[in-house]
């Protein structure tokens, strides 16, 4: 057994005395590992960015307005009247107008003409001619298919469909001051009654719908 202080003893007791360090040498400090903080910090940053985007989507909607086909603004005397004409299944958050009127929201003005019946070898359809104008100062996108649906006289809501005899509304972006025009079509399958063309932005967190009411 080697006694403390004997030659060959590597214990702290046998180390040379250094006045700056005191009688014994201190153990070197361990470096902290960075990867746990990176692993924790990156998800937090991503969550923060997503939260900012969601907040912008929820709080960025501008006021919705309705312009009649005659070019005059619809009267808005109260919050209840702002939502426009009534129709079966109308939701509290819906903004409705008559076919042919223009509804403006988020710097896009949607003019949806009254429904018209059309027939071809592919079946019978109901189509509305739609014009979308960018009335804002920034480029804005639009979708000519998945954002549109039709509530028929029976209360069934149908998705937009392909009608080869029509120039269908495409999807893309509209520059400030620009506009695009095309048809949105639906399968015809119900009798006379109230038909409602519905628009709902698929990529928005808002559930507010725009609606154009037709009587066929």
Protein backbone atom coordinates (compact mmCIF):
# COMPACT_ATOMS: atom_id res chain seq x y z
CA UNK A 1 0.00 0.00 0.00
CA UNK A 2 1.32 3.36 -0.99
CA UNK A 3 1.12 6.09 1.58
CA UNK A 4 0.00 9.58 0.63
CA UNK A 5 2.91 11.64 -0.51
CA UNK A 6 5.06 8.67 -1.59
CA UNK A 7 6.82 8.73 -4.99
CA UNK A 8 4.64 7.33 -7.73
CA UNK A 9 1.50 8.36 -5.94
CA UNK A 10 -0.76 10.25 -8.41
CA UNK A 11 -3.24 11.35 -5.79
CA UNK A 12 -3.87 15.06 -5.26
CA UNK A 13 -1.75 14.87 -2.15
CA UNK A 14 1.36 14.31 -4.27
CA UNK A 15 0.82 17.15 -6.80
CA UNK A 16 3.20 20.17 -6.79
CA UNK A 17 2.03 23.07 -4.73
CA UNK A 18 0.80 26.02 -6.81
CA UNK A 19 0.13 29.21 -4.80
CA UNK A 20 -2.32 30.45 -7.42
CA UNK A 21 -4.45 27.33 -7.12
CA UNK A 22 -4.04 26.57 -3.48
CA UNK A 23 -2.73 23.35 -2.03
CA UNK A 24 -4.83 21.10 -4.26
CA UNK A 25 -5.65 21.22 -8.00
CA UNK A 26 -9.32 21.66 -8.88
CA UNK A 27 -10.99 19.18 -11.20
CA UNK A 28 -11.59 20.65 -14.70
CA UNK A 29 -15.13 21.87 -15.31
CA UNK A 30 -17.26 19.81 -17.67
CA UNK A 31 -18.57 21.51 -20.79
CA UNK A 32 -22.34 21.67 -21.03
CA UNK A 33 -23.85 19.83 -23.94
CA UNK A 34 -25.75 22.04 -26.41
CA UNK A 35 -27.89 19.41 -28.14
CA UNK A 36 -30.59 19.15 -25.41
CA UNK A 37 -31.18 22.90 -25.63
CA UNK A 38 -31.28 22.76 -29.44
CA UNK A 39 -33.75 19.87 -29.31
CA UNK A 40 -35.98 21.84 -26.97
CA UNK A 41 -35.56 25.26 -28.59
CA UNK A 42 -36.34 24.33 -32.22
CA UNK A 43 -39.85 22.95 -31.50
CA UNK A 44 -40.60 26.01 -29.36
CA UNK A 45 -39.62 28.32 -32.21
CA UNK A 46 -41.74 26.31 -34.69
CA UNK A 47 -44.74 26.40 -32.37
CA UNK A 48 -44.32 30.15 -31.95
CA UNK A 49 -44.20 30.68 -35.72
CA UNK A 50 -47.31 28.55 -36.25
CA UNK A 51 -49.12 30.45 -33.52
CA UNK A 52 -48.29 33.75 -35.22
CA UNK A 53 -49.63 32.45 -38.55
CA UNK A 54 -52.82 31.19 -36.90
CA UNK A 55 -53.34 34.48 -35.09
CA UNK A 56 -52.91 36.34 -38.36
CA UNK A 57 -55.39 34.05 -40.11
CA UNK A 58 -57.99 34.43 -37.40
CA UNK A 59 -57.63 38.15 -36.80
CA UNK A 60 -56.80 39.36 -40.30
CA UNK A 61 -60.24 39.21 -41.89
CA UNK A 62 -61.55 42.54 -43.08
CA UNK A 63 -65.16 43.65 -42.99
CA UNK A 64 -67.47 41.88 -45.42
CA UNK A 65 -69.65 44.06 -47.63
CA UNK A 66 -72.41 43.41 -50.17
CA UNK A 67 -73.03 45.39 -53.35
CA UNK A 68 -76.26 44.83 -55.25
CA UNK A 69 -76.25 44.00 -58.94
CA UNK A 70 -77.46 47.56 -59.61
CA UNK A 71 -74.16 48.85 -58.22
CA UNK A 72 -75.57 50.27 -54.97
CA UNK A 73 -74.36 49.15 -51.57
CA UNK A 74 -76.75 46.96 -49.62
CA UNK A 75 -78.34 48.65 -46.62
CA UNK A 76 -76.86 47.55 -43.32
CA UNK A 77 -78.96 48.89 -40.47
CA UNK A 78 -78.10 46.26 -37.88
CA UNK A 79 -75.88 43.26 -37.27
CA UNK A 80 -78.76 40.90 -38.12
CA UNK A 81 -79.50 42.66 -41.40
CA UNK A 82 -75.82 42.59 -42.39
CA UNK A 83 -76.01 38.86 -43.11
CA UNK A 84 -78.37 39.41 -46.07
CA UNK A 85 -81.40 37.38 -47.20
CA UNK A 86 -82.44 34.28 -45.29
CA UNK A 87 -82.36 30.72 -46.63
CA UNK A 88 -82.88 27.22 -45.15
CA UNK A 89 -79.87 26.11 -43.14
CA UNK A 90 -78.33 29.56 -42.96
CA UNK A 91 -75.68 29.88 -40.25
CA UNK A 92 -75.20 32.88 -37.98
CA UNK A 93 -71.77 33.54 -39.51
CA UNK A 94 -73.00 33.42 -43.14
CA UNK A 95 -73.12 36.52 -45.33
CA UNK A 96 -75.77 36.15 -48.04
CA UNK A 97 -76.75 38.06 -51.16
CA UNK A 98 -78.99 37.49 -54.15
CA UNK A 99 -77.59 35.83 -57.25
CA UNK A 100 -75.87 38.50 -59.33
CA UNK A 101 -74.74 40.57 -56.32
CA UNK A 102 -71.13 41.13 -55.24
CA UNK A 103 -69.73 40.18 -51.84
CA UNK A 104 -66.33 41.63 -50.91
CA UNK A 105 -64.11 40.12 -48.24
CA UNK A 106 -60.33 40.11 -47.65
CA UNK A 107 -59.76 42.43 -50.65
CA UNK A 108 -61.48 40.05 -53.07
CA UNK A 109 -64.81 41.00 -54.67
CA UNK A 110 -66.88 37.95 -55.70
CA UNK A 111 -69.65 38.52 -58.24
CA UNK A 112 -71.71 35.33 -58.64
CA UNK A 113 -74.33 35.42 -61.37
CA UNK A 114 -77.70 33.63 -61.02
CA UNK A 115 -77.67 29.88 -61.58
CA UNK A 116 -78.43 28.66 -65.09
CA UNK A 117 -79.31 25.12 -66.22
CA UNK A 118 -77.17 23.41 -68.85
CA UNK A 119 -77.18 19.95 -70.40
CA UNK A 120 -74.63 17.82 -72.23
CA UNK A 121 -73.75 14.19 -72.87
CA UNK A 122 -72.24 14.19 -69.39
CA UNK A 123 -75.52 15.09 -67.67
CA UNK A 124 -77.46 18.07 -66.40
CA UNK A 125 -75.74 20.84 -64.46
CA UNK A 126 -76.44 24.11 -62.72
CA UNK A 127 -73.74 26.72 -63.29
CA UNK A 128 -72.95 30.21 -62.05
CA UNK A 129 -70.58 32.55 -63.83
CA UNK A 130 -68.15 33.94 -61.25
CA UNK A 131 -65.92 37.00 -61.47
CA UNK A 132 -63.31 37.57 -58.76
CA UNK A 133 -61.58 40.96 -58.61
CA UNK A 134 -58.61 41.87 -56.43
CA UNK A 135 -59.50 45.25 -54.92
CA UNK A 136 -56.52 45.29 -52.55
CA UNK A 137 -52.89 46.30 -52.85
CA UNK A 138 -51.34 42.81 -52.57
CA UNK A 139 -51.41 39.68 -54.68
CA UNK A 140 -54.20 37.34 -53.61
CA UNK A 141 -54.97 33.71 -54.38
CA UNK A 142 -58.22 32.00 -55.35
CA UNK A 143 -59.52 28.48 -55.88
CA UNK A 144 -62.12 27.63 -58.49
CA UNK A 145 -63.12 24.18 -57.31
CA UNK A 146 -62.74 23.06 -53.70
CA UNK A 147 -63.96 26.36 -52.21
CA UNK A 148 -67.39 26.16 -53.86
CA UNK A 149 -70.52 24.12 -53.19
CA UNK A 150 -74.27 24.23 -53.83
CA UNK A 151 -77.14 23.72 -51.42
CA UNK A 152 -80.07 22.48 -53.51
CA UNK A 153 -83.82 22.68 -52.92
CA UNK A 154 -83.78 19.52 -50.79
CA UNK A 155 -81.10 20.91 -48.48
CA UNK A 156 -78.37 18.66 -49.88
CA UNK A 157 -74.98 20.37 -50.25
CA UNK A 158 -73.13 19.30 -53.38
CA UNK A 159 -69.47 19.87 -54.26
CA UNK A 160 -68.50 21.60 -57.48
CA UNK A 161 -68.08 19.29 -60.45
CA UNK A 162 -66.73 19.19 -63.99
CA UNK A 163 -68.93 20.45 -66.82
CA UNK A 164 -67.18 20.10 -70.20
CA UNK A 165 -69.45 22.56 -71.97
CA UNK A 166 -68.38 25.40 -69.63
CA UNK A 167 -65.18 27.38 -69.13
CA UNK A 168 -64.63 26.51 -65.50
CA UNK A 169 -63.11 28.85 -62.93
CA UNK A 170 -59.46 27.95 -62.47
CA UNK A 171 -57.19 28.36 -59.46
CA UNK A 172 -54.25 30.70 -59.07
CA UNK A 173 -53.38 34.22 -57.98
CA UNK A 174 -54.69 37.66 -58.93
CA UNK A 175 -52.53 40.78 -59.03
CA UNK A 176 -53.83 44.00 -57.44
CA UNK A 177 -56.49 45.49 -59.70
CA UNK A 178 -56.76 42.29 -61.74
CA UNK A 179 -59.65 39.87 -62.05
CA UNK A 180 -60.53 36.40 -63.27
CA UNK A 181 -63.76 34.90 -64.60
CA UNK A 182 -65.10 31.38 -65.02
CA UNK A 183 -68.02 29.08 -64.23
CA UNK A 184 -68.62 26.95 -61.15
CA UNK A 185 -70.93 24.01 -61.88
CA UNK A 186 -72.86 21.46 -59.88
CA UNK A 187 -74.91 18.37 -60.65
CA UNK A 188 -78.62 19.08 -61.04
CA UNK A 189 -80.82 16.64 -59.18
CA UNK A 190 -83.52 18.41 -57.18
CA UNK A 191 -86.79 20.07 -58.15
CA UNK A 192 -87.84 23.72 -57.98
CA UNK A 193 -87.02 25.72 -54.89
CA UNK A 194 -84.23 27.68 -53.23
CA UNK A 195 -80.67 27.03 -54.38
CA UNK A 196 -77.67 28.60 -52.65
CA UNK A 197 -74.18 28.90 -54.11
CA UNK A 198 -71.77 28.70 -51.16
CA UNK A 199 -68.17 29.87 -50.92
CA UNK A 200 -65.92 28.83 -48.03
CA UNK A 201 -62.16 29.35 -48.08
CA UNK A 202 -60.69 25.88 -47.56
CA UNK A 203 -57.30 27.15 -46.36
CA UNK A 204 -58.69 29.64 -43.85
CA UNK A 205 -59.42 28.89 -40.19
CA UNK A 206 -62.56 30.99 -40.47
CA UNK A 207 -65.82 29.06 -40.90
CA UNK A 208 -67.68 32.11 -42.30
CA UNK A 209 -69.41 31.34 -45.59
CA UNK A 210 -70.48 33.59 -48.43
CA UNK A 211 -73.83 32.67 -49.99
CA UNK A 212 -75.75 33.65 -53.12
CA UNK A 213 -79.44 32.79 -53.00
CA UNK A 214 -81.32 31.71 -56.14
CA UNK A 215 -84.95 30.69 -56.69
CA UNK A 216 -85.46 28.18 -59.50
